[in-house]
Amino acid sequence: MNSRNFPLTYKAAGVDIDAGDALVERIAPAAKATARPGTDASLGGFGGLFDLKAAGFADPVLVASTDGVGTKLKLAIAAKRFDSIGQDLVAMCVNDLVVQGAEPLFFLDYFATAALNVDEAAQVIDGIARACKACGCALIGGETAEMPGMYARGDFDLAGFAVGAVERGAILPKRNTMRAGDVLIGVASSGLHSNGFSLVRKILETATVPLDATAPFTDQSLADVLLIPTKLYVRSALAAIATGGVKGLAHITGSGIPGNVPRVLPETLDAAVDLSTWRLPGVFSWLQKEANIAEAEMVTTFNCGVGLIVVADCERAEEVIAAFGNAGEQTFMIGSLIENDGHEPKVRFSGRLE
């Protein structure tokens, strides 16, 4: 026989429906501000709607991506910095769309936590909305889940889902047009972006600089530097693509340059990359010295200051560089394509990280 003399409720079990409703009400204006042709970006329905015809495409192919922020979230939670992590989430998804030539159309988020803190969640989702607006992508919905017992108190997790479209004849990469001599252009990252943070957190366990102290290579705190959000490459990449000189784009995320550049190459070509053609930003140099990280480990774990790599027609490279520059991006001529033995494409490095 049940000895309880009081009725149980969902709230007593750890799920507060009223808090969820309060969050939806609070973030609705931010979501509405992301509206674009094809959607009104309203929240509250069972699914988000998008009118592809209204977006102006003639013969579109849809491109979808999903990603998270990884253990960078642990640093954001430890530092109580919730305003920029939303951009990380959006960028990790939409950058994967634009490298295939696609314009991001809409975004959905998934926010899961043990117990919903409306203020913290609102900061995260406001950041998501700002990032969506910055790249012309509508935030059309999402899900907030309270799961006591699944997460530790104070923890949360994020996942993002983005859909874009590209006209059928404009899909990237254009492997059949790539030739030996095509140039490789690196586009600067804003910092670590959202990769390698399990190693970063391991380094911080024995680091000589606390998270809230000023970093030895800048006047910002170490937390500020590590939590700089992932750069949104959508507008600059689309402008470069419009020049007609871009044959391929690689988003440099997990597995670094050697793991991502071959994904856009034909079997007959390798990428020759000179590591001495750009300066290693201070945060990467500090991490490398702090943990005595080998160069091969650096380039396969971190972006090392290059968040996007462009395969460009050698005769159109200056136009491509100008397009990125006009969009405020810093670029480096980092190498070229070379012939291989017809097996799997790979990256051949020369020079040293400096």
Protein backbone atom coordinates (compact mmCIF):
# COMPACT_ATOMS: atom_id res chain seq x y z
CA MET A 1 0.00 0.00 0.00
CA ASN A 2 1.29 3.46 -0.89
CA SER A 3 2.15 5.33 2.31
CA ARG A 4 2.19 8.78 0.68
CA ASN A 5 -0.47 11.10 2.00
CA PHE A 6 0.03 13.79 -0.63
CA PRO A 7 -0.48 13.79 -4.42
CA LEU A 8 2.61 13.92 -6.63
CA THR A 9 2.89 16.52 -9.42
CA TYR A 10 5.11 16.92 -12.47
CA LYS A 11 6.68 19.98 -10.80
CA ALA A 12 7.51 17.94 -7.71
CA ALA A 13 9.28 15.48 -10.01
CA GLY A 14 11.47 18.31 -11.29
CA VAL A 15 9.69 19.57 -14.42
CA ASP A 16 8.27 23.10 -14.33
CA ILE A 17 5.86 23.66 -17.24
CA ASP A 18 5.29 27.26 -16.18
CA ALA A 19 9.02 27.98 -16.51
CA GLY A 20 8.97 26.55 -20.02
CA ASP A 21 6.03 28.74 -20.97
CA ALA A 22 7.80 31.77 -19.50
CA LEU A 23 10.87 31.03 -21.62
CA VAL A 24 8.82 30.78 -24.84
CA GLU A 25 7.17 34.12 -24.06
CA ARG A 26 10.50 35.74 -23.31
CA ILE A 27 12.32 34.57 -26.46
CA ALA A 28 9.44 35.14 -28.90
CA PRO A 29 10.52 38.71 -29.86
CA ALA A 30 14.08 37.55 -30.58
CA ALA A 31 12.82 34.72 -32.79
CA LYS A 32 10.41 37.03 -34.60
CA ALA A 33 13.29 39.38 -35.41
CA THR A 34 14.88 36.60 -37.51
CA ALA A 35 11.96 36.48 -39.98
CA ARG A 36 12.92 36.23 -43.66
CA PRO A 37 11.07 35.51 -46.91
CA GLY A 38 9.54 32.07 -46.57
CA THR A 39 8.62 32.21 -42.89
CA ASP A 40 7.19 34.42 -40.18
CA ALA A 41 9.51 32.86 -37.55
CA SER A 42 6.67 32.44 -35.03
CA LEU A 43 7.01 30.00 -32.13
CA GLY A 44 4.52 27.73 -30.40
CA GLY A 45 3.25 25.40 -33.11
CA PHE A 46 3.98 21.71 -33.39
CA GLY A 47 6.40 22.32 -36.25
CA GLY A 48 8.05 25.22 -38.05
CA LEU A 49 6.82 26.05 -41.55
CA PHE A 50 8.90 27.31 -44.46
CA ASP A 51 7.70 28.30 -47.93
CA LEU A 52 10.56 27.49 -50.30
CA LYS A 53 8.85 29.13 -53.26
CA ALA A 54 8.55 32.41 -51.37
CA ALA A 55 12.31 32.29 -50.71
CA GLY A 56 12.88 32.78 -54.44
CA PHE A 57 14.58 29.56 -55.56
CA ALA A 58 14.02 28.18 -59.06
CA ASP A 59 15.43 24.63 -58.92
CA PRO A 60 16.67 24.19 -55.34
CA VAL A 61 18.39 21.31 -53.60
CA LEU A 62 17.96 21.27 -49.83
CA VAL A 63 21.01 20.85 -47.59
CA ALA A 64 20.65 19.94 -43.90
CA SER A 65 23.12 19.91 -41.02
CA THR A 66 23.11 19.26 -37.30
CA ASP A 67 25.75 19.87 -34.64
CA GLY A 68 26.37 20.85 -31.05
CA VAL A 69 28.89 22.89 -29.10
CA GLY A 70 30.63 20.03 -27.33
CA THR A 71 32.47 20.47 -24.06
CA LYS A 72 32.93 24.18 -24.67
CA LEU A 73 29.61 24.27 -22.82
CA LYS A 74 31.40 23.15 -19.64
CA LEU A 75 33.60 26.25 -19.77
CA ALA A 76 30.64 28.53 -20.48
CA ILE A 77 28.78 27.09 -17.50
CA ALA A 78 31.85 27.34 -15.24
CA ALA A 79 32.41 30.97 -16.29
CA LYS A 80 28.66 31.74 -16.24
CA ARG A 81 28.91 33.19 -19.75
CA PHE A 82 25.73 32.33 -21.63
CA ASP A 83 25.42 35.15 -24.18
CA SER A 84 27.81 33.89 -26.89
CA ILE A 85 27.45 30.12 -26.83
CA GLY A 86 24.33 30.38 -29.01
CA GLN A 87 26.43 31.77 -31.86
CA ASP A 88 28.71 28.75 -31.56
CA LEU A 89 25.71 26.49 -32.05
CA VAL A 90 24.41 28.33 -35.10
CA ALA A 91 27.83 28.74 -36.69
CA MET A 92 28.72 25.06 -36.41
CA CYS A 93 25.59 24.26 -38.41
CA VAL A 94 25.30 27.07 -40.97
CA ASN A 95 29.01 27.03 -41.85
CA ASP A 96 28.53 23.41 -42.87
CA LEU A 97 25.73 24.53 -45.20
CA VAL A 98 27.52 27.39 -46.90
CA VAL A 99 30.57 25.28 -47.78
CA GLN A 100 28.24 23.32 -50.05
CA GLY A 101 27.10 26.57 -51.66
CA ALA A 102 23.83 26.71 -49.73
CA GLU A 103 22.10 29.73 -48.28
CA PRO A 104 20.84 28.95 -44.75
CA LEU A 105 17.05 29.20 -44.59
CA PHE A 106 15.95 28.16 -41.13
CA PHE A 107 17.24 26.88 -37.81
CA LEU A 108 15.87 24.91 -34.87
CA ASP A 109 17.48 24.41 -31.47
CA TYR A 110 17.28 21.78 -28.75
CA PHE A 111 18.02 22.87 -25.17
CA ALA A 112 18.11 20.13 -22.53
CA THR A 113 18.72 20.63 -18.82
CA ALA A 114 18.07 19.16 -15.39
CA ALA A 115 16.05 22.15 -14.21
CA LEU A 116 15.24 25.14 -16.39
CA ASN A 117 16.83 28.46 -15.43
CA VAL A 118 14.78 30.88 -17.52
CA ASP A 119 17.34 33.72 -17.39
CA GLU A 120 20.26 31.54 -18.48
CA ALA A 121 18.27 29.77 -21.17
CA ALA A 122 16.97 33.08 -22.51
CA GLN A 123 20.55 34.38 -22.83
CA VAL A 124 21.54 31.29 -24.80
CA ILE A 125 18.55 31.48 -27.13
CA ASP A 126 18.91 35.24 -27.59
CA GLY A 127 22.44 34.47 -28.80
CA ILE A 128 21.04 31.86 -31.19
CA ALA A 129 18.57 34.40 -32.55
CA ARG A 130 21.23 37.10 -33.03
CA ALA A 131 23.44 34.66 -34.94
CA CYS A 132 20.53 33.52 -37.10
CA LYS A 133 19.69 37.12 -37.96
CA ALA A 134 23.34 37.85 -38.78
CA CYS A 135 23.37 35.16 -41.46
CA GLY A 136 19.81 35.62 -42.79
CA CYS A 137 18.52 32.42 -41.25
CA ALA A 138 15.11 32.25 -39.55
CA LEU A 139 14.77 30.72 -36.10
CA ILE A 140 11.46 28.92 -36.63
CA GLY A 141 11.26 26.69 -33.57
CA GLY A 142 12.97 24.48 -31.07
CA GLU A 143 12.56 22.30 -28.02
CA THR A 144 13.30 22.88 -24.35
CA ALA A 145 13.51 19.71 -22.28
CA GLU A 146 13.76 19.43 -18.50
CA MET A 147 15.16 16.03 -17.58
CA PRO A 148 15.98 15.73 -13.87
CA GLY A 149 18.28 12.79 -13.27
CA MET A 150 19.64 12.91 -16.82
CA TYR A 151 21.83 15.99 -16.22
CA ALA A 152 23.59 17.31 -13.14
CA ARG A 153 22.02 20.36 -11.53
CA GLY A 154 23.21 23.47 -13.38
CA ASP A 155 24.26 21.59 -16.52
CA PHE A 156 22.61 21.84 -19.91
CA ASP A 157 23.22 20.63 -23.44
CA LEU A 158 22.56 22.15 -26.85
CA ALA A 159 21.95 20.80 -30.33
CA GLY A 160 21.21 22.72 -33.50
CA PHE A 161 19.55 21.85 -36.79
CA ALA A 162 19.81 23.97 -39.93
CA VAL A 163 18.39 23.68 -43.44
CA GLY A 164 19.57 25.62 -46.45
CA ALA A 165 19.08 25.58 -50.20
CA VAL A 166 21.29 25.90 -53.25
CA GLU A 167 20.37 26.03 -56.90
CA ARG A 168 21.10 22.65 -58.48
CA GLY A 169 23.89 23.91 -60.73
CA ALA A 170 25.69 25.76 -57.94
CA ILE A 171 26.36 22.90 -55.51
CA LEU A 172 29.87 22.81 -54.03
CA PRO A 173 32.43 21.35 -54.22
CA LYS A 174 32.98 21.33 -57.98
CA ARG A 175 35.51 18.50 -57.95
CA ASN A 176 35.39 17.93 -61.71
CA THR A 177 36.70 21.46 -62.30
CA MET A 178 39.60 21.27 -59.83
CA ARG A 179 43.09 21.22 -61.31
CA ALA A 180 46.67 21.12 -60.06
CA GLY A 181 47.66 24.75 -59.53
CA ASP A 182 44.32 25.84 -58.07
CA VAL A 183 45.11 27.89 -54.98
CA LEU A 184 44.21 27.36 -51.34
CA ILE A 185 43.06 30.42 -49.43
CA GLY A 186 42.79 30.31 -45.65
CA VAL A 187 40.19 32.49 -43.94
CA ALA A 188 41.04 33.47 -40.37
CA SER A 189 39.18 31.96 -37.44
CA SER A 190 38.05 34.03 -34.45
CA GLY A 191 39.82 31.64 -32.08
CA LEU A 192 39.27 28.05 -31.04
CA HIS A 193 35.72 28.03 -32.40
CA SER A 194 34.04 24.91 -30.90
CA ASN A 195 36.57 22.13 -31.34
CA GLY A 196 39.28 20.61 -29.18
CA PHE A 197 37.75 21.64 -25.86
CA SER A 198 38.14 18.26 -24.22
CA LEU A 199 41.90 18.75 -24.65
CA VAL A 200 41.63 22.41 -23.59
CA ARG A 201 39.83 21.44 -20.39
CA LYS A 202 42.48 18.80 -19.68
CA ILE A 203 45.17 21.46 -20.08
CA LEU A 204 43.29 23.81 -17.74
CA GLU A 205 43.44 21.22 -14.95
CA THR A 206 47.15 21.92 -14.53
CA ALA A 207 47.49 25.30 -16.27
CA THR A 208 49.50 28.09 -14.69
CA VAL A 209 46.74 30.62 -15.46
CA PRO A 210 43.29 30.42 -13.82
CA LEU A 211 40.23 30.78 -16.06
CA ASP A 212 39.31 34.19 -14.64
CA ALA A 213 42.85 35.63 -14.78
CA THR A 214 44.31 37.74 -17.59
CA ALA A 215 45.76 35.53 -20.32
CA PRO A 216 49.54 35.96 -20.76
CA PHE A 217 49.19 36.67 -24.50
CA THR A 218 46.47 39.38 -24.39
CA ASP A 219 44.74 41.84 -22.05
CA GLN A 220 41.57 39.70 -21.90
CA SER A 221 40.80 37.03 -19.32
CA LEU A 222 41.52 33.45 -20.33
CA ALA A 223 37.78 32.72 -20.17
CA ASP A 224 37.06 35.60 -22.55
CA VAL A 225 39.57 34.28 -25.09
CA LEU A 226 38.50 30.63 -24.89
CA LEU A 227 34.81 31.52 -25.20
CA ILE A 228 35.11 33.78 -28.25
CA PRO A 229 32.28 32.42 -30.43
CA THR A 230 32.73 30.52 -33.67
CA LYS A 231 32.84 32.85 -36.66
CA LEU A 232 29.83 32.97 -38.97
CA TYR A 233 31.20 32.62 -42.51
CA VAL A 234 27.87 32.71 -44.33
CA ARG A 235 27.75 36.23 -45.74
CA SER A 236 31.45 36.37 -46.66
CA ALA A 237 31.46 32.90 -48.22
CA LEU A 238 28.32 33.61 -50.28
CA ALA A 239 29.93 36.83 -51.55
CA ALA A 240 33.06 34.91 -52.54
CA ILE A 241 31.02 32.19 -54.24
CA ALA A 242 29.24 34.89 -56.27
CA THR A 243 32.55 35.82 -57.95
CA GLY A 244 32.54 32.47 -59.75
CA GLY A 245 36.08 31.70 -58.64
CA VAL A 246 35.32 29.29 -55.79
CA LYS A 247 35.57 25.57 -56.58
CA GLY A 248 35.34 24.24 -53.03
CA LEU A 249 35.15 25.24 -49.38
CA ALA A 250 36.18 23.29 -46.29
CA HIS A 251 34.95 24.17 -42.81
CA ILE A 252 37.86 23.44 -40.45
CA THR A 253 36.27 21.75 -37.44
CA GLY A 254 37.04 18.46 -35.64
CA SER A 255 40.11 16.69 -37.13
CA GLY A 256 41.49 20.03 -38.31
CA ILE A 257 42.99 20.80 -41.70
CA PRO A 258 44.09 17.22 -42.57
CA GLY A 259 40.68 15.79 -41.72
CA ASN A 260 38.49 18.33 -43.50
CA VAL A 261 40.22 19.58 -46.66
CA PRO A 262 40.34 16.13 -48.35
CA ARG A 263 36.54 15.92 -48.05
CA VAL A 264 36.20 18.47 -50.88
CA LEU A 265 38.95 17.16 -53.21
CA PRO A 266 38.85 14.70 -56.11
CA GLU A 267 40.83 11.48 -55.75
CA THR A 268 43.58 12.68 -58.09
CA LEU A 269 44.61 15.81 -56.16
CA ASP A 270 46.28 16.56 -52.83
CA ALA A 271 46.39 19.84 -50.92
CA ALA A 272 49.87 21.28 -50.37
CA VAL A 273 49.66 23.56 -47.31
CA ASP A 274 52.52 25.74 -46.07
CA LEU A 275 52.08 26.20 -42.31
CA SER A 276 54.43 29.20 -42.28
CA THR A 277 52.07 31.34 -44.40
CA TRP A 278 50.10 32.58 -41.40
CA ARG A 279 50.86 33.40 -37.78
CA LEU A 280 49.62 31.04 -35.08
CA PRO A 281 47.30 33.14 -32.85
CA GLY A 282 48.34 33.58 -29.23
CA VAL A 283 45.78 31.24 -27.69
CA PHE A 284 47.04 28.33 -29.80
CA SER A 285 50.69 29.09 -29.02
CA TRP A 286 49.87 29.21 -25.31
CA LEU A 287 48.03 25.88 -25.40
CA GLN A 288 50.85 24.26 -27.36
CA LYS A 289 53.52 25.43 -24.92
CA GLU A 290 51.43 24.78 -21.81
CA ALA A 291 50.99 21.09 -22.68
CA ASN A 292 53.97 20.50 -25.00
CA ILE A 293 51.61 19.55 -27.83
CA ALA A 294 53.23 18.18 -30.98
CA GLU A 295 52.61 20.07 -34.22
CA ALA A 296 50.83 17.07 -35.79
CA GLU A 297 48.48 16.98 -32.80
CA MET A 298 47.83 20.73 -33.06
CA VAL A 299 46.76 20.63 -36.72
CA THR A 300 44.46 17.63 -36.23
CA THR A 301 42.81 18.94 -33.04
CA PHE A 302 42.51 22.72 -33.57
CA ASN A 303 41.89 25.05 -36.51
CA CYS A 304 45.19 26.83 -35.61
CA GLY A 305 43.83 30.19 -36.78
CA VAL A 306 42.24 29.09 -40.08
CA GLY A 307 38.52 28.36 -39.84
CA LEU A 308 37.72 28.06 -43.55
CA ILE A 309 39.81 26.95 -46.52
CA VAL A 310 38.87 27.88 -50.08
CA VAL A 311 39.85 26.05 -53.25
CA ALA A 312 39.93 28.82 -55.85
CA ASP A 313 40.67 29.04 -59.54
CA CYS A 314 44.22 30.40 -59.74
CA GLU A 315 43.11 33.05 -62.24
CA ARG A 316 40.23 34.23 -60.02
CA ALA A 317 41.97 34.11 -56.65
CA GLU A 318 42.32 37.88 -56.28
CA GLU A 319 38.57 38.33 -56.82
CA VAL A 320 37.84 35.71 -54.18
CA ILE A 321 40.25 37.29 -51.71
CA ALA A 322 38.73 40.73 -52.37
CA ALA A 323 35.23 39.40 -51.70
CA PHE A 324 36.29 38.01 -48.32
CA GLY A 325 38.18 41.21 -47.53
CA ASN A 326 35.18 43.40 -48.37
CA ALA A 327 33.16 41.28 -45.92
CA GLY A 328 35.70 41.98 -43.18
CA GLU A 329 37.61 38.69 -43.28
CA GLN A 330 41.37 38.21 -43.08
CA THR A 331 42.77 35.76 -45.63
CA PHE A 332 46.06 33.99 -46.29
CA MET A 333 47.42 32.32 -49.42
CA ILE A 334 48.34 29.00 -47.81
CA GLY A 335 49.06 26.63 -50.69
CA SER A 336 47.75 24.94 -53.81
CA LEU A 337 46.45 21.68 -55.25
CA ILE A 338 48.99 19.19 -56.56
CA GLU A 339 48.69 15.90 -58.43
CA ASN A 340 48.86 12.66 -56.49
CA ASP A 341 49.05 8.95 -57.33
CA GLY A 342 45.29 8.62 -57.81
CA HIS A 343 44.52 7.28 -54.37
CA GLU A 344 42.78 9.05 -51.47
CA PRO A 345 43.37 12.82 -51.40
CA LYS A 346 45.37 14.11 -48.47
CA VAL A 347 47.06 17.22 -47.10
CA ARG A 348 50.81 17.53 -47.51
CA PHE A 349 52.29 20.00 -45.05
CA SER A 350 55.44 22.08 -45.38
CA GLY A 351 56.81 24.81 -43.12
CA ARG A 352 56.15 25.07 -39.39
CA LEU A 353 53.50 26.66 -37.18
CA GLU A 354 54.97 29.90 -35.81
